[in-house]
Amino acid sequence: MPEKLSFEETIQKIEAAASALESGKLSLDESLKVYEESVGLIRSAEKYLESARQRVRILEKGPDGSEEMKDTDDYSAEFRGA
């Protein structure tokens, strides 16, 4: 199983792929391969962002009016595929 990239690493790989595609130096087959890999990376980045959105949504007011984070283990485990 491939190593899980961080959000930042995923974005860097997407940017590198975009630069390679924009360079015009890749063959059609190479371009298609890079594009296909990029689609997977974009989907992975979208999952990271959705997980972050869920964590923000569960931020709520505590009994004393202060903000507190609810337990997010369920969301984190779901994102990791656990």
C-alpha atoms as a PDB file:
ATOM      1  CA  MET A   1       0.000   0.000   0.000  1.00  0.00           C
ATOM      2  CA  PRO A   2       1.451   3.423  -0.928  1.00  0.00           C
ATOM      3  CA  GLU A   3       2.478   5.785   1.841  1.00  0.00           C
ATOM      4  CA  LYS A   4      -0.187   8.316   2.852  1.00  0.00           C
ATOM      5  CA  LEU A   5       0.841  11.837   1.849  1.00  0.00           C
ATOM      6  CA  SER A   6       0.116  14.878   3.970  1.00  0.00           C
ATOM      7  CA  PHE A   7      -2.203  17.538   2.555  1.00  0.00           C
ATOM      8  CA  GLU A   8       0.791  19.771   1.830  1.00  0.00           C
ATOM      9  CA  GLU A   9       2.677  16.973   0.046  1.00  0.00           C
ATOM     10  CA  THR A  10      -0.428  16.212  -1.995  1.00  0.00           C
ATOM     11  CA  ILE A  11      -0.733  19.851  -3.072  1.00  0.00           C
ATOM     12  CA  GLN A  12       2.976  19.949  -3.993  1.00  0.00           C
ATOM     13  CA  LYS A  13       2.553  16.872  -6.182  1.00  0.00           C
ATOM     14  CA  ILE A  14      -0.501  18.403  -7.877  1.00  0.00           C
ATOM     15  CA  GLU A  15       1.455  21.602  -8.553  1.00  0.00           C
ATOM     16  CA  ALA A  16       4.400  19.633  -9.947  1.00  0.00           C
ATOM     17  CA  ALA A  17       2.045  17.677 -12.218  1.00  0.00           C
ATOM     18  CA  ALA A  18       0.428  20.898 -13.443  1.00  0.00           C
ATOM     19  CA  SER A  19       3.858  22.356 -14.237  1.00  0.00           C
ATOM     20  CA  ALA A  20       4.875  19.211 -16.107  1.00  0.00           C
ATOM     21  CA  LEU A  21       1.660  19.241 -18.131  1.00  0.00           C
ATOM     22  CA  GLU A  22       1.995  22.963 -18.883  1.00  0.00           C
ATOM     23  CA  SER A  23       5.599  22.567 -20.013  1.00  0.00           C
ATOM     24  CA  GLY A  24       4.512  20.796 -23.178  1.00  0.00           C
ATOM     25  CA  LYS A  25       7.537  18.498 -22.926  1.00  0.00           C
ATOM     26  CA  LEU A  26       5.612  15.312 -22.147  1.00  0.00           C
ATOM     27  CA  SER A  27       4.429  12.861 -24.745  1.00  0.00           C
ATOM     28  CA  LEU A  28       0.703  12.230 -25.031  1.00  0.00           C
ATOM     29  CA  ASP A  29       1.033   8.962 -23.092  1.00  0.00           C
ATOM     30  CA  GLU A  30       3.108  10.628 -20.373  1.00  0.00           C
ATOM     31  CA  SER A  31       0.623  13.501 -20.179  1.00  0.00           C
ATOM     32  CA  LEU A  32      -2.283  11.104 -19.759  1.00  0.00           C
ATOM     33  CA  LYS A  33      -0.446   9.203 -17.022  1.00  0.00           C
ATOM     34  CA  VAL A  34       0.375  12.420 -15.137  1.00  0.00           C
ATOM     35  CA  TYR A  35      -3.202  13.626 -15.575  1.00  0.00           C
ATOM     36  CA  GLU A  36      -4.645  10.355 -14.228  1.00  0.00           C
ATOM     37  CA  GLU A  37      -2.335  10.479 -11.209  1.00  0.00           C
ATOM     38  CA  SER A  38      -3.341  14.099 -10.645  1.00  0.00           C
ATOM     39  CA  VAL A  39      -7.025  13.204 -10.551  1.00  0.00           C
ATOM     40  CA  GLY A  40      -6.298  10.760  -7.725  1.00  0.00           C
ATOM     41  CA  LEU A  41      -4.255  13.382  -5.881  1.00  0.00           C
ATOM     42  CA  ILE A  42      -7.035  15.950  -6.251  1.00  0.00           C
ATOM     43  CA  ARG A  43      -9.549  13.485  -4.848  1.00  0.00           C
ATOM     44  CA  SER A  44      -7.232  12.826  -1.915  1.00  0.00           C
ATOM     45  CA  ALA A  45      -6.889  16.578  -1.273  1.00  0.00           C
ATOM     46  CA  GLU A  46     -10.679  16.923  -1.390  1.00  0.00           C
ATOM     47  CA  LYS A  47     -10.974  14.223   1.291  1.00  0.00           C
ATOM     48  CA  TYR A  48      -8.503  16.081   3.485  1.00  0.00           C
ATOM     49  CA  LEU A  49     -10.504  19.290   3.075  1.00  0.00           C
ATOM     50  CA  GLU A  50     -13.817  17.575   3.811  1.00  0.00           C
ATOM     51  CA  SER A  51     -12.339  16.086   6.974  1.00  0.00           C
ATOM     52  CA  ALA A  52     -11.185  19.549   8.033  1.00  0.00           C
ATOM     53  CA  ARG A  53     -14.655  20.979   7.281  1.00  0.00           C
ATOM     54  CA  GLN A  54     -16.255  18.299   9.450  1.00  0.00           C
ATOM     55  CA  ARG A  55     -13.927  19.121  12.323  1.00  0.00           C
ATOM     56  CA  VAL A  56     -14.791  22.807  12.033  1.00  0.00           C
ATOM     57  CA  ARG A  57     -18.541  22.030  11.933  1.00  0.00           C
ATOM     58  CA  ILE A  58     -18.404  20.198  15.231  1.00  0.00           C
ATOM     59  CA  LEU A  59     -16.805  23.158  16.955  1.00  0.00           C
ATOM     60  CA  GLU A  60     -19.470  24.370  19.341  1.00  0.00           C
ATOM     61  CA  LYS A  61     -20.023  26.524  22.347  1.00  0.00           C
ATOM     62  CA  GLY A  62     -19.214  24.936  25.686  1.00  0.00           C
ATOM     63  CA  PRO A  63     -21.327  25.303  28.814  1.00  0.00           C
ATOM     64  CA  ASP A  64     -19.401  28.435  29.829  1.00  0.00           C
ATOM     65  CA  GLY A  65     -19.751  30.045  26.383  1.00  0.00           C
ATOM     66  CA  SER A  66     -16.223  29.183  25.303  1.00  0.00           C
ATOM     67  CA  GLU A  67     -15.578  27.239  22.156  1.00  0.00           C
ATOM     68  CA  GLU A  68     -14.510  23.652  22.552  1.00  0.00           C
ATOM     69  CA  MET A  69     -13.826  20.844  20.121  1.00  0.00           C
ATOM     70  CA  LYS A  70     -15.967  17.743  20.381  1.00  0.00           C
ATOM     71  CA  ASP A  71     -14.353  14.328  20.099  1.00  0.00           C
ATOM     72  CA  THR A  72     -13.357  13.852  16.456  1.00  0.00           C
ATOM     73  CA  ASP A  73     -12.037  10.293  16.648  1.00  0.00           C
ATOM     74  CA  ASP A  74     -15.005   8.960  14.682  1.00  0.00           C
ATOM     75  CA  TYR A  75     -14.359  11.395  11.820  1.00  0.00           C
ATOM     76  CA  SER A  76     -10.615  10.794  11.874  1.00  0.00           C
ATOM     77  CA  ALA A  77     -11.014   7.015  11.793  1.00  0.00           C
ATOM     78  CA  GLU A  78     -13.512   7.287   8.931  1.00  0.00           C
ATOM     79  CA  PHE A  79     -11.090   9.456   6.941  1.00  0.00           C
ATOM     80  CA  ARG A  80      -8.201   7.034   7.492  1.00  0.00           C
ATOM     81  CA  GLY A  81     -10.402   4.172   6.381  1.00  0.00           C
ATOM     82  CA  ALA A  82     -10.224   2.500   9.786  1.00  0.00           C
END
